[in-house]
N, C-alpha and C. Protein backbone atom coordinates (compact mmCIF):
# COMPACT_ATOMS: atom_id res chain seq x y z
N MET A 1 3.63 26.09 -12.53
CA MET A 1 3.65 25.35 -11.22
C MET A 1 4.91 24.35 -11.64
N GLU A 2 5.80 24.33 -10.25
CA GLU A 2 7.04 23.56 -10.06
C GLU A 2 6.77 22.29 -10.33
N LEU A 3 7.71 21.80 -11.14
CA LEU A 3 7.27 20.16 -11.54
C LEU A 3 7.26 19.41 -10.22
N ASN A 4 8.14 19.63 -9.45
CA ASN A 4 8.32 18.77 -8.16
C ASN A 4 7.16 18.89 -7.36
N LEU A 5 6.53 20.11 -7.19
CA LEU A 5 5.11 20.28 -6.67
C LEU A 5 4.07 19.47 -7.23
N ILE A 6 4.01 19.49 -8.66
CA ILE A 6 3.22 18.37 -9.53
C ILE A 6 3.20 17.07 -8.96
N TYR A 7 4.47 16.43 -8.96
CA TYR A 7 4.76 15.34 -8.47
C TYR A 7 4.30 15.02 -7.09
N SER A 8 4.65 15.98 -6.12
CA SER A 8 4.26 15.77 -4.82
C SER A 8 2.69 15.66 -4.57
N ILE A 9 2.03 16.37 -5.23
CA ILE A 9 0.70 16.62 -5.31
C ILE A 9 -0.13 15.24 -5.78
N ALA A 10 0.71 14.42 -6.88
CA ALA A 10 0.08 13.31 -7.48
C ALA A 10 0.53 12.33 -6.38
N GLY A 11 1.36 12.41 -5.54
CA GLY A 11 1.93 11.36 -4.76
C GLY A 11 0.97 11.48 -3.50
N LEU A 12 0.36 12.30 -3.05
CA LEU A 12 -0.57 12.54 -2.30
C LEU A 12 -1.85 12.01 -2.51
N LEU A 13 -2.56 12.37 -3.76
CA LEU A 13 -3.64 11.90 -4.30
C LEU A 13 -3.26 10.48 -4.68
N GLY A 14 -2.30 9.90 -5.05
CA GLY A 14 -2.08 8.61 -5.28
C GLY A 14 -2.47 7.66 -3.80
N GLY A 15 -1.94 8.35 -2.73
CA GLY A 15 -2.38 7.46 -1.53
C GLY A 15 -3.85 7.30 -1.33
N ILE A 16 -4.55 8.29 -1.83
CA ILE A 16 -6.05 8.33 -1.53
C ILE A 16 -6.76 7.32 -2.72
N VAL A 17 -6.07 7.28 -3.81
CA VAL A 17 -6.32 6.52 -4.85
C VAL A 17 -6.21 5.02 -4.64
N CYS A 18 -4.99 4.72 -3.71
CA CYS A 18 -4.68 3.38 -3.27
C CYS A 18 -5.53 2.88 -2.25
N ALA A 19 -5.93 3.85 -1.47
CA ALA A 19 -6.56 3.33 -0.21
C ALA A 19 -8.28 3.30 -0.41
N ILE A 20 -8.66 3.85 -1.52
CA ILE A 20 -10.11 3.42 -1.98
C ILE A 20 -9.99 1.90 -2.81
N GLY A 21 -8.91 1.88 -3.26
CA GLY A 21 -8.55 0.36 -3.92
C GLY A 21 -8.67 -0.51 -3.05
N ASP A 22 -7.99 -0.38 -1.74
CA ASP A 22 -7.80 -0.92 -0.25
C ASP A 22 -9.21 -1.30 0.09
N MET A 23 -10.01 -0.57 0.13
CA MET A 23 -11.56 -0.63 0.78
C MET A 23 -12.44 -1.40 -0.13
N LEU A 24 -12.06 -1.41 -1.61
CA LEU A 24 -12.80 -2.34 -2.28
C LEU A 24 -12.49 -3.74 -2.24
N LEU A 25 -10.82 -3.83 -2.05
CA LEU A 25 -10.63 -5.21 -1.84
C LEU A 25 -11.01 -5.94 -0.69
N ASP A 26 -10.70 -5.35 0.60
CA ASP A 26 -10.55 -5.48 1.95
C ASP A 26 -12.04 -5.42 2.90
N LEU A 27 -12.84 -4.62 2.59
CA LEU A 27 -14.15 -4.31 3.24
C LEU A 27 -15.12 -5.73 2.88
N LYS A 28 -14.82 -6.79 3.74
CA LYS A 28 -15.48 -7.97 3.75
C LYS A 28 -16.56 -8.08 4.64
N GLY A 29 -16.73 -7.37 5.77
CA GLY A 29 -17.67 -7.54 6.56
C GLY A 29 -17.50 -8.17 7.96
N LYS A 30 -17.94 -7.63 9.16
CA LYS A 30 -17.74 -8.31 10.56
C LYS A 30 -17.80 -9.87 10.62
N ASP A 31 -18.54 -10.60 9.87
CA ASP A 31 -18.83 -11.89 9.89
C ASP A 31 -17.83 -12.52 9.15
N ASN A 32 -16.99 -12.05 8.53
CA ASN A 32 -15.76 -12.81 7.70
C ASN A 32 -14.82 -13.54 8.59
N VAL A 33 -14.43 -14.76 8.09
CA VAL A 33 -13.17 -15.28 8.96
C VAL A 33 -12.49 -16.26 7.96
N LYS A 34 -11.07 -16.66 8.35
CA LYS A 34 -10.51 -17.17 7.74
C LYS A 34 -11.17 -18.85 7.51
N VAL A 35 -10.50 -19.14 6.19
CA VAL A 35 -11.27 -20.74 5.79
C VAL A 35 -10.33 -21.54 6.14
N ASN A 36 -11.02 -22.48 6.69
CA ASN A 36 -10.00 -23.77 7.24
C ASN A 36 -8.80 -23.56 7.43
N GLY A 37 -8.58 -22.48 8.25
CA GLY A 37 -7.38 -22.16 9.06
C GLY A 37 -6.34 -21.49 8.12
N SER A 38 -6.78 -21.26 7.01
CA SER A 38 -5.90 -20.50 5.76
C SER A 38 -5.28 -19.28 6.27
N LEU A 39 -4.20 -19.03 6.00
CA LEU A 39 -3.61 -17.43 6.43
C LEU A 39 -4.11 -16.62 5.37
N PHE A 40 -4.76 -16.85 4.44
CA PHE A 40 -5.01 -15.96 3.19
C PHE A 40 -6.55 -15.84 2.93
N ILE A 41 -6.91 -17.04 2.72
CA ILE A 41 -8.49 -17.17 2.15
C ILE A 41 -9.55 -16.91 3.11
N GLU A 42 -10.49 -15.92 2.52
CA GLU A 42 -11.46 -15.24 3.50
C GLU A 42 -12.79 -15.83 3.15
N SER A 43 -13.61 -15.92 4.00
CA SER A 43 -14.92 -16.55 3.93
C SER A 43 -15.84 -15.82 3.12
N ASN A 44 -15.65 -14.65 3.24
CA ASN A 44 -16.74 -13.81 2.31
C ASN A 44 -16.28 -13.27 1.12
N TRP A 45 -15.22 -13.97 0.36
CA TRP A 45 -14.88 -13.74 -1.01
C TRP A 45 -15.90 -13.94 -1.85
N ILE A 46 -16.67 -15.07 -1.45
CA ILE A 46 -17.78 -15.54 -2.26
C ILE A 46 -19.03 -14.84 -2.33
N LYS A 47 -19.16 -13.85 -1.55
CA LYS A 47 -20.43 -12.97 -1.27
C LYS A 47 -19.93 -11.68 -2.17
N MET A 48 -18.62 -11.31 -2.30
CA MET A 48 -18.11 -9.82 -2.80
C MET A 48 -18.06 -10.03 -4.26
N ALA A 49 -18.87 -9.03 -4.84
CA ALA A 49 -18.81 -9.07 -6.51
C ALA A 49 -17.45 -8.81 -7.21
N THR A 50 -17.22 -9.55 -8.31
CA THR A 50 -15.94 -9.69 -8.82
C THR A 50 -15.39 -8.44 -9.47
N VAL A 51 -16.49 -7.54 -9.81
CA VAL A 51 -16.15 -6.42 -10.25
C VAL A 51 -15.53 -5.28 -9.19
N ARG A 52 -15.52 -5.77 -7.97
CA ARG A 52 -14.74 -4.93 -7.11
C ARG A 52 -13.43 -5.26 -7.20
N PHE A 53 -13.03 -6.20 -7.21
CA PHE A 53 -11.62 -6.73 -7.35
C PHE A 53 -11.12 -6.14 -8.77
N LYS A 54 -11.65 -6.05 -9.75
CA LYS A 54 -11.44 -5.37 -11.21
C LYS A 54 -11.28 -3.98 -10.95
N ILE A 55 -12.00 -3.57 -10.43
CA ILE A 55 -11.75 -1.88 -10.15
C ILE A 55 -10.66 -1.71 -9.32
N SER A 56 -10.55 -2.52 -8.45
CA SER A 56 -9.44 -2.39 -7.22
C SER A 56 -8.12 -2.51 -7.93
N ILE A 57 -7.95 -3.47 -8.95
CA ILE A 57 -6.55 -3.70 -9.71
C ILE A 57 -6.49 -2.25 -10.53
N ILE A 58 -7.30 -1.72 -11.03
CA ILE A 58 -7.15 -0.62 -11.82
C ILE A 58 -6.71 0.73 -10.98
N LEU A 59 -7.37 0.86 -9.97
CA LEU A 59 -7.05 1.79 -8.88
C LEU A 59 -5.57 1.75 -8.38
N GLY A 60 -5.27 0.29 -8.20
CA GLY A 60 -3.85 0.01 -7.66
C GLY A 60 -2.83 0.10 -8.51
N PHE A 61 -3.10 -0.01 -9.90
CA PHE A 61 -2.17 0.40 -10.90
C PHE A 61 -2.03 1.96 -11.01
N PHE A 62 -2.80 2.80 -10.98
CA PHE A 62 -2.70 4.34 -11.07
C PHE A 62 -2.04 4.84 -9.77
N GLY A 63 -2.63 4.19 -8.72
CA GLY A 63 -2.30 4.55 -7.38
C GLY A 63 -1.00 4.40 -7.09
N SER A 64 -0.36 3.17 -7.25
CA SER A 64 0.93 3.00 -7.00
C SER A 64 1.73 3.91 -7.97
N PHE A 65 1.42 4.24 -9.22
CA PHE A 65 2.17 4.99 -9.95
C PHE A 65 2.14 6.52 -9.44
N MET A 66 1.20 6.89 -9.23
CA MET A 66 1.05 8.27 -8.38
C MET A 66 1.73 8.36 -6.94
N CYS A 67 1.72 7.57 -6.09
CA CYS A 67 2.37 7.43 -5.00
C CYS A 67 3.95 7.56 -5.30
N SER A 68 4.41 6.86 -6.19
CA SER A 68 6.10 6.91 -6.63
C SER A 68 6.48 8.14 -7.01
N LEU A 69 5.35 8.88 -7.94
CA LEU A 69 5.79 10.30 -8.22
C LEU A 69 6.00 11.21 -7.23
N GLY A 70 5.40 10.95 -5.93
CA GLY A 70 5.48 11.75 -4.72
C GLY A 70 6.91 11.15 -4.10
N ILE A 71 7.55 9.88 -4.29
CA ILE A 71 8.88 9.86 -3.92
C ILE A 71 9.89 10.37 -4.67
N TYR A 72 9.40 10.29 -5.89
CA TYR A 72 10.47 10.82 -7.10
C TYR A 72 10.43 12.20 -6.96
N SER A 73 9.41 13.10 -6.31
CA SER A 73 9.79 14.29 -6.14
C SER A 73 10.73 14.28 -4.83
N LEU A 74 10.70 13.91 -3.88
CA LEU A 74 11.62 13.96 -2.89
C LEU A 74 12.93 13.45 -3.20
N ALA A 75 12.96 12.51 -4.03
CA ALA A 75 14.45 12.28 -4.65
C ALA A 75 14.93 13.22 -5.37
N ARG A 76 14.36 14.03 -6.06
CA ARG A 76 14.90 15.11 -6.90
C ARG A 76 15.30 16.30 -5.93
N GLN A 77 14.59 16.41 -5.04
CA GLN A 77 14.94 17.45 -4.11
C GLN A 77 16.27 16.96 -3.28
N ILE A 78 16.05 15.81 -2.92
CA ILE A 78 17.24 15.54 -2.08
C ILE A 78 18.68 15.44 -2.84
N TYR A 79 18.50 15.02 -4.34
CA TYR A 79 19.59 14.91 -5.00
C TYR A 79 20.51 16.20 -5.20
N THR A 80 19.77 17.42 -5.00
CA THR A 80 20.36 18.66 -4.86
C THR A 80 21.49 18.82 -3.95
N GLN A 81 21.27 18.10 -2.93
CA GLN A 81 22.01 18.16 -1.81
C GLN A 81 23.00 17.00 -1.32
N ASN A 82 22.42 15.72 -1.87
CA ASN A 82 23.08 14.38 -1.42
C ASN A 82 22.87 13.68 -2.86
N GLU A 83 23.73 13.46 -3.98
CA GLU A 83 23.35 12.83 -4.99
C GLU A 83 23.41 11.34 -5.02
N ARG A 84 24.32 10.87 -3.97
CA ARG A 84 24.14 9.36 -3.90
C ARG A 84 22.50 8.95 -3.39
N LEU A 85 22.27 9.63 -1.90
CA LEU A 85 21.30 9.35 -1.52
C LEU A 85 20.04 9.71 -2.48
N GLY A 86 20.12 10.68 -3.24
CA GLY A 86 18.87 11.03 -4.27
C GLY A 86 18.81 9.90 -5.27
N GLU A 87 20.07 9.37 -5.75
CA GLU A 87 19.87 8.20 -6.71
C GLU A 87 19.34 7.01 -5.97
N VAL A 88 19.50 6.61 -4.84
CA VAL A 88 19.07 5.41 -4.08
C VAL A 88 17.48 5.63 -4.11
N LEU A 89 17.09 6.56 -3.70
CA LEU A 89 15.73 7.08 -3.65
C LEU A 89 15.25 7.27 -5.22
N PHE A 90 15.58 7.40 -6.20
CA PHE A 90 15.29 7.39 -7.40
C PHE A 90 14.96 5.55 -7.72
N ILE A 91 15.78 4.87 -7.21
CA ILE A 91 15.58 3.30 -7.41
C ILE A 91 14.80 2.90 -6.78
N VAL A 92 14.38 3.52 -5.35
CA VAL A 92 13.32 3.26 -4.60
C VAL A 92 11.95 3.49 -5.17
N THR A 93 11.98 4.51 -5.84
CA THR A 93 10.91 4.92 -6.87
C THR A 93 10.39 3.98 -7.78
N ILE A 94 11.30 3.54 -8.55
CA ILE A 94 10.85 2.40 -9.49
C ILE A 94 10.27 1.22 -8.95
N LEU A 95 11.22 0.81 -7.78
CA LEU A 95 11.00 -0.43 -7.10
C LEU A 95 9.27 -0.15 -6.22
N LEU A 96 8.99 0.89 -5.80
CA LEU A 96 7.81 1.30 -5.31
C LEU A 96 6.58 1.06 -6.37
N ALA A 97 6.89 1.67 -7.45
CA ALA A 97 5.82 1.38 -8.56
C ALA A 97 5.36 -0.13 -8.70
N MET A 98 6.62 -0.70 -8.81
CA MET A 98 6.54 -2.22 -9.29
C MET A 98 5.90 -2.92 -8.22
N THR A 99 6.48 -2.65 -7.02
CA THR A 99 6.08 -3.57 -5.98
C THR A 99 4.66 -3.37 -5.33
N GLY A 100 4.54 -2.04 -5.19
CA GLY A 100 3.09 -1.69 -5.05
C GLY A 100 1.69 -2.49 -5.92
N PHE A 101 1.97 -2.51 -7.19
CA PHE A 101 1.36 -2.95 -7.97
C PHE A 101 1.20 -4.45 -7.83
N PHE A 102 2.45 -5.03 -7.77
CA PHE A 102 2.41 -6.45 -7.70
C PHE A 102 1.66 -7.30 -6.42
N VAL A 103 1.79 -6.42 -5.31
CA VAL A 103 1.46 -6.78 -4.06
C VAL A 103 -0.14 -6.50 -4.05
N HIS A 104 -0.75 -5.60 -4.58
CA HIS A 104 -2.08 -5.28 -4.63
C HIS A 104 -2.58 -6.18 -5.56
N THR A 105 -2.22 -6.47 -6.88
CA THR A 105 -2.84 -7.05 -7.85
C THR A 105 -2.69 -8.57 -7.49
N LEU A 106 -1.90 -8.96 -6.74
CA LEU A 106 -1.73 -10.40 -6.26
C LEU A 106 -3.15 -10.69 -5.33
N CYS A 107 -3.14 -9.70 -4.34
CA CYS A 107 -4.15 -9.60 -3.25
C CYS A 107 -5.58 -9.81 -4.14
N CYS A 108 -5.90 -9.16 -5.20
CA CYS A 108 -7.00 -8.99 -6.00
C CYS A 108 -7.31 -10.25 -6.63
N ILE A 109 -6.09 -10.78 -7.34
CA ILE A 109 -6.38 -11.90 -8.29
C ILE A 109 -6.76 -13.24 -7.62
N LEU A 110 -6.06 -13.36 -6.54
CA LEU A 110 -6.63 -14.59 -5.69
C LEU A 110 -7.80 -14.96 -5.33
N PRO A 111 -8.65 -13.67 -4.73
CA PRO A 111 -10.18 -14.06 -4.83
C PRO A 111 -10.73 -14.32 -6.00
N VAL A 112 -10.37 -13.60 -7.09
CA VAL A 112 -11.14 -13.96 -8.26
C VAL A 112 -10.95 -15.24 -8.91
N ILE A 113 -9.64 -15.67 -8.65
CA ILE A 113 -9.44 -17.18 -8.82
C ILE A 113 -10.34 -18.14 -8.08
N TYR A 114 -10.43 -17.93 -6.69
CA TYR A 114 -11.09 -18.44 -6.00
C TYR A 114 -12.63 -18.65 -6.25
N LYS A 115 -13.14 -17.46 -6.55
CA LYS A 115 -14.58 -17.39 -6.74
C LYS A 115 -14.97 -18.21 -8.27
N SER A 116 -13.96 -18.24 -9.26
CA SER A 116 -14.41 -19.16 -10.43
C SER A 116 -14.00 -20.49 -10.17
N VAL A 117 -13.10 -20.94 -9.34
CA VAL A 117 -12.95 -22.26 -9.16
C VAL A 117 -14.08 -22.92 -8.39
N ILE A 118 -14.57 -22.15 -7.55
CA ILE A 118 -15.55 -22.44 -6.37
C ILE A 118 -16.89 -22.68 -6.93
N LYS A 119 -17.03 -22.05 -8.09
CA LYS A 119 -18.51 -22.16 -8.80
C LYS A 119 -18.79 -23.92 -8.97
N GLY A 120 -17.51 -24.48 -9.03
CA GLY A 120 -17.82 -25.80 -9.54
C GLY A 120 -18.31 -26.59 -8.31
N GLY A 121 -18.39 -25.94 -7.00
CA GLY A 121 -18.92 -26.47 -5.78
C GLY A 121 -17.87 -27.40 -5.40
N ASN A 122 -16.69 -27.34 -5.65
CA ASN A 122 -15.63 -28.10 -4.76
C ASN A 122 -14.74 -27.25 -4.23
N PHE A 123 -14.96 -27.13 -2.96
CA PHE A 123 -14.29 -26.27 -1.87
C PHE A 123 -12.66 -26.62 -1.82
N GLU A 124 -12.65 -27.76 -1.83
CA GLU A 124 -11.13 -28.38 -1.40
C GLU A 124 -10.36 -27.77 -2.78
N ILE A 125 -10.70 -28.02 -4.02
CA ILE A 125 -9.88 -27.75 -5.29
C ILE A 125 -9.80 -26.02 -4.98
N ALA A 126 -10.79 -25.30 -4.79
CA ALA A 126 -10.64 -24.03 -4.63
C ALA A 126 -9.58 -23.34 -3.56
N ASN A 127 -9.76 -24.11 -2.34
CA ASN A 127 -8.76 -23.73 -1.28
C ASN A 127 -7.38 -24.04 -1.72
N ASN A 128 -7.38 -25.43 -2.26
CA ASN A 128 -5.62 -25.74 -2.71
C ASN A 128 -5.14 -25.07 -3.75
N THR A 129 -5.94 -24.46 -4.63
CA THR A 129 -5.63 -23.93 -5.83
C THR A 129 -5.12 -22.38 -5.42
N VAL A 130 -5.70 -21.51 -4.67
CA VAL A 130 -5.45 -20.45 -3.98
C VAL A 130 -4.18 -20.47 -2.95
N ASP A 131 -4.31 -21.50 -2.07
CA ASP A 131 -2.95 -21.90 -1.36
C ASP A 131 -1.67 -22.01 -2.09
N ALA A 132 -1.83 -22.70 -3.26
CA ALA A 132 -0.71 -23.19 -3.99
C ALA A 132 0.03 -21.92 -4.64
N LEU A 133 -1.07 -20.94 -5.45
CA LEU A 133 -0.51 -19.99 -5.75
C LEU A 133 0.12 -18.89 -4.82
N PHE A 134 -0.61 -18.78 -3.61
CA PHE A 134 0.10 -17.69 -2.60
C PHE A 134 1.77 -18.24 -2.10
N ASP A 135 1.47 -19.66 -1.91
CA ASP A 135 2.61 -20.35 -1.55
C ASP A 135 4.01 -20.22 -2.76
N ALA A 136 3.35 -19.95 -3.88
CA ALA A 136 4.61 -19.93 -4.85
C ALA A 136 5.14 -18.26 -4.92
N VAL A 137 4.54 -17.58 -4.55
CA VAL A 137 4.67 -15.95 -4.47
C VAL A 137 5.41 -15.48 -3.14
N LYS A 138 4.73 -16.29 -2.24
CA LYS A 138 4.91 -15.63 -0.93
C LYS A 138 6.56 -15.46 -0.38
N ILE A 139 7.63 -15.85 -1.06
CA ILE A 139 8.91 -15.55 -0.81
C ILE A 139 9.01 -14.09 -1.66
N LEU A 140 8.48 -13.72 -2.35
CA LEU A 140 8.45 -12.18 -2.59
C LEU A 140 7.57 -11.32 -1.99
N PHE A 141 6.39 -11.68 -1.73
CA PHE A 141 5.27 -10.92 -1.26
C PHE A 141 5.69 -10.23 -0.11
N PHE A 142 5.87 -10.94 0.95
CA PHE A 142 6.34 -10.50 2.05
C PHE A 142 7.51 -9.29 2.37
N PRO A 143 8.73 -10.00 1.80
CA PRO A 143 9.81 -8.83 1.77
C PRO A 143 9.38 -7.64 1.21
N LEU A 144 8.72 -7.86 -0.17
CA LEU A 144 8.45 -6.66 -0.69
C LEU A 144 7.47 -5.59 -0.15
N TYR A 145 6.51 -6.41 0.54
CA TYR A 145 5.47 -5.32 1.20
C TYR A 145 6.26 -4.70 2.56
N VAL A 146 7.08 -5.48 2.97
CA VAL A 146 7.94 -4.81 3.96
C VAL A 146 8.97 -3.65 3.41
N PHE A 147 9.41 -4.05 2.35
CA PHE A 147 10.31 -3.08 1.46
C PHE A 147 9.49 -1.68 1.33
N ILE A 148 8.24 -1.77 0.89
CA ILE A 148 7.64 -0.49 0.43
C ILE A 148 7.27 0.36 1.56
N LEU A 149 7.16 -0.27 2.80
CA LEU A 149 6.86 0.38 3.96
C LEU A 149 8.01 0.95 4.59
N LEU A 150 9.15 0.29 4.74
CA LEU A 150 10.25 0.68 5.50
C LEU A 150 11.33 1.20 5.00
N VAL A 151 11.77 1.04 3.63
CA VAL A 151 12.91 1.58 3.00
C VAL A 151 12.43 3.14 2.79
N PRO A 152 11.43 3.51 2.06
CA PRO A 152 11.25 4.96 1.87
C PRO A 152 11.17 5.88 3.11
N THR A 153 10.47 5.00 4.17
CA THR A 153 10.06 5.74 5.49
C THR A 153 11.64 6.10 5.96
N GLY A 154 12.51 5.03 6.13
CA GLY A 154 13.81 4.99 6.57
C GLY A 154 14.62 6.28 5.99
N ILE A 155 14.79 6.39 4.89
CA ILE A 155 15.41 7.45 3.97
C ILE A 155 14.47 8.75 4.05
N THR A 156 13.57 8.87 4.06
CA THR A 156 12.91 10.15 4.35
C THR A 156 13.21 10.99 5.64
N ILE A 157 12.74 9.75 6.99
CA ILE A 157 13.16 10.10 8.01
C ILE A 157 14.72 10.91 8.37
N TYR A 158 15.82 10.16 7.61
CA TYR A 158 17.01 10.45 7.80
C TYR A 158 17.08 11.84 7.28
N CYS A 159 16.39 11.97 6.04
CA CYS A 159 16.76 13.35 5.47
C CYS A 159 16.09 14.56 6.10
N ILE A 160 15.17 14.13 6.83
CA ILE A 160 14.47 15.36 7.81
C ILE A 160 15.47 15.57 8.87
N VAL A 161 15.74 14.57 9.69
CA VAL A 161 16.64 14.95 10.73
C VAL A 161 17.83 15.67 10.22
N SER A 162 18.42 15.10 8.98
CA SER A 162 19.84 16.00 8.38
C SER A 162 19.38 17.11 7.67
N GLY A 163 18.43 17.59 7.68
CA GLY A 163 18.07 18.83 7.26
C GLY A 163 17.86 18.81 5.53
N MET A 164 18.17 18.00 5.09
CA MET A 164 17.92 17.84 3.70
C MET A 164 16.73 18.17 2.91
N LEU A 165 15.69 17.85 3.92
CA LEU A 165 14.33 18.25 3.43
C LEU A 165 14.07 19.49 4.42
N ASN A 166 13.55 20.44 3.86
CA ASN A 166 12.85 21.44 4.80
C ASN A 166 11.66 21.41 5.22
N VAL A 167 11.42 20.59 6.04
CA VAL A 167 10.21 20.41 6.62
C VAL A 167 10.14 20.28 8.27
N PRO A 168 9.32 20.56 9.16
CA PRO A 168 9.19 20.28 10.58
C PRO A 168 9.53 19.14 11.03
N ASN A 169 10.01 18.80 12.12
CA ASN A 169 10.44 17.45 12.44
C ASN A 169 9.36 16.44 12.82
N TRP A 170 8.03 17.04 12.89
CA TRP A 170 6.94 16.48 13.12
C TRP A 170 6.23 15.67 11.84
N CYS A 171 6.83 15.98 10.71
CA CYS A 171 6.71 15.40 9.45
C CYS A 171 7.35 13.86 9.19
N MET A 172 8.20 13.60 10.19
CA MET A 172 8.73 12.21 10.52
C MET A 172 7.62 11.29 11.01
N LEU A 173 6.33 11.77 11.34
CA LEU A 173 5.37 10.94 11.88
C LEU A 173 4.40 10.66 10.65
N LEU A 174 4.80 11.33 9.41
CA LEU A 174 3.93 11.38 8.21
C LEU A 174 4.60 10.08 7.28
N ASN A 175 4.27 8.79 7.68
CA ASN A 175 5.11 7.65 6.94
C ASN A 175 3.94 6.30 7.17
N PRO A 176 4.02 5.48 6.23
CA PRO A 176 3.13 4.44 6.31
C PRO A 176 3.39 3.44 7.70
N ILE A 177 4.60 3.48 8.24
CA ILE A 177 5.02 2.75 9.57
C ILE A 177 3.87 3.25 10.71
N VAL A 178 4.00 4.66 10.77
CA VAL A 178 3.16 5.21 11.83
C VAL A 178 1.80 5.00 11.55
N PHE A 179 1.21 5.19 10.22
CA PHE A 179 -0.24 4.91 9.95
C PHE A 179 -0.70 3.58 10.07
N LEU A 180 0.29 2.61 9.89
CA LEU A 180 -0.21 1.17 10.08
C LEU A 180 -0.25 1.04 11.68
N ILE A 181 0.38 1.43 12.40
CA ILE A 181 0.55 1.29 13.82
C ILE A 181 -0.68 2.13 14.44
N ILE A 182 -1.06 3.02 13.99
CA ILE A 182 -2.68 3.87 14.32
C ILE A 182 -3.64 2.82 13.92
N GLY A 183 -3.66 2.37 12.96
CA GLY A 183 -4.52 1.52 12.47
C GLY A 183 -4.78 0.26 13.21
N VAL A 184 -3.76 -0.18 13.65
CA VAL A 184 -3.82 -1.43 14.36
C VAL A 184 -3.99 -1.28 15.95
N LEU A 185 -3.73 -0.13 16.41
CA LEU A 185 -4.30 0.35 17.74
C LEU A 185 -5.47 0.53 17.89
N LEU A 186 -6.08 1.10 16.87
CA LEU A 186 -7.69 1.39 16.82
C LEU A 186 -8.42 0.33 16.79
N ARG A 187 -7.81 -0.73 16.22
CA ARG A 187 -8.76 -2.10 15.79
C ARG A 187 -8.59 -2.92 17.14
N LYS A 188 -7.35 -2.81 17.65
CA LYS A 188 -7.34 -3.24 19.30
C LYS A 188 -8.05 -2.67 20.38
N VAL A 189 -8.24 -1.17 20.13
CA VAL A 189 -8.86 -0.61 21.22
C VAL A 189 -10.28 -0.66 21.14
N SER A 190 -10.83 -0.70 19.86
CA SER A 190 -12.57 -0.51 19.68
C SER A 190 -12.51 -1.56 18.59
N PRO A 191 -12.47 -2.96 18.47
CA PRO A 191 -12.94 -3.52 17.36
C PRO A 191 -14.30 -3.46 16.69
N LYS A 192 -15.18 -2.88 17.55
CA LYS A 192 -16.56 -2.79 17.07
C LYS A 192 -16.90 -1.63 16.05
N TYR A 193 -16.08 -0.65 16.37
CA TYR A 193 -16.36 0.65 15.34
C TYR A 193 -14.72 0.49 14.38
N PHE A 194 -13.74 -0.10 14.78
CA PHE A 194 -12.63 0.11 13.84
C PHE A 194 -12.39 -1.37 13.39
N TYR A 195 -13.21 -2.13 13.25
CA TYR A 195 -12.81 -3.53 12.60
C TYR A 195 -12.30 -3.75 11.36
N GLU A 196 -12.55 -2.74 10.54
CA GLU A 196 -11.86 -2.88 9.25
C GLU A 196 -11.42 -1.59 8.79
N LEU A 197 -12.14 -0.40 9.07
CA LEU A 197 -11.67 0.89 8.83
C LEU A 197 -11.16 1.64 10.14
N PRO A 198 -10.14 2.42 9.99
CA PRO A 198 -9.47 2.78 8.98
C PRO A 198 -8.39 2.00 8.71
N GLY A 199 -8.00 0.97 9.43
CA GLY A 199 -6.92 -0.04 9.45
C GLY A 199 -6.44 -0.25 8.16
N ILE A 200 -7.67 -0.86 7.31
CA ILE A 200 -7.24 -1.55 6.11
C ILE A 200 -6.48 -0.66 4.87
N CYS A 201 -6.63 0.56 5.06
CA CYS A 201 -6.11 1.50 4.00
C CYS A 201 -4.83 2.42 4.71
N MET A 202 -4.68 2.32 5.93
CA MET A 202 -3.68 3.22 6.71
C MET A 202 -2.55 3.26 5.93
N PRO A 203 -1.90 2.05 5.47
CA PRO A 203 -0.60 2.11 4.92
C PRO A 203 -0.42 2.60 3.78
N SER A 204 -1.47 2.70 2.78
CA SER A 204 -1.75 3.62 1.53
C SER A 204 -1.58 4.94 1.95
N LEU A 205 -2.48 5.07 2.82
CA LEU A 205 -2.45 6.71 3.00
C LEU A 205 -0.91 7.09 3.45
N GLY A 206 -0.17 6.53 4.15
CA GLY A 206 0.71 6.54 4.87
C GLY A 206 2.09 6.66 3.82
N ILE A 207 1.73 6.25 2.76
CA ILE A 207 2.64 6.11 1.62
C ILE A 207 2.23 7.44 0.76
N GLY A 208 0.98 7.93 0.65
CA GLY A 208 0.71 8.87 0.26
C GLY A 208 1.34 10.14 0.95
N MET A 209 2.02 10.13 2.14
CA MET A 209 2.15 11.30 3.01
C MET A 209 3.54 11.60 2.54
N PHE A 210 4.23 10.79 1.81
CA PHE A 210 5.51 11.16 0.98
C PHE A 210 5.35 12.35 0.30
N GLY A 211 3.95 12.29 -0.30
CA GLY A 211 3.78 13.68 -1.44
C GLY A 211 3.58 14.73 -0.50
N LEU A 212 2.73 14.50 0.67
CA LEU A 212 2.58 15.73 1.46
C LEU A 212 3.80 16.41 1.82
N ILE A 213 4.84 15.38 2.51
CA ILE A 213 6.24 15.88 2.78
C ILE A 213 6.64 16.64 1.80
N GLY A 214 6.50 16.52 0.57
CA GLY A 214 7.36 16.90 -0.59
C GLY A 214 6.63 18.10 -0.74
N ILE A 215 5.37 18.55 -0.70
CA ILE A 215 4.61 19.69 -0.94
C ILE A 215 5.23 20.93 0.30
N ILE A 216 5.14 20.14 1.61
CA ILE A 216 5.66 20.99 2.85
C ILE A 216 6.85 21.39 2.42
N SER A 217 7.80 20.76 2.09
CA SER A 217 9.15 21.00 1.58
C SER A 217 9.49 22.09 0.72
N LEU A 218 8.39 22.25 -0.27
CA LEU A 218 8.58 23.14 -1.24
C LEU A 218 7.78 24.32 -1.10
N LEU A 219 6.94 24.57 -0.17
CA LEU A 219 6.27 25.47 0.22
C LEU A 219 7.16 26.70 1.04
């Protein structure tokens, strides 16, 4: 089997692995609310088993690496026709692996810290601790999250339009931005049925679609 095809399959499976990790992290229940106006702290963290966050971190590590292999396959394919753009996507591959794991691990570690601190019964200390930690990293958190969604999506769409990737034009819809929009729309249209799923895992599944694009391009 061609090496690029192996990488692409790994990328597709990586999106599924990350999606499972997202569900372990974000399935909180419909009674969940933000705590004391916080943008990040969730009321149902205290009800969720800590092992969920630990497993989610492990899945996030392997899933991020596998997803980056899917983009690496695209980079190798593009490089044969446009070396400069291929090199840019190689760099994106490295940054995706680092960024995906950083963002996901941060989202998992904060509830673990919150649950540990709150065992002492002091909600104020727990809230202040998590808010302070998030405030310290948010300057990187949001730009990096936007990066892993926008940059590989933009490059891939350009390569499809320009013909550097031998795939149908509808493959431009196979990306995390489109998947994120679908998840948000489903939640807005019917929050009763789509309050959490599939919205919470749609971006990860969308990143995995880069692997599917690579597979289609190679067939």
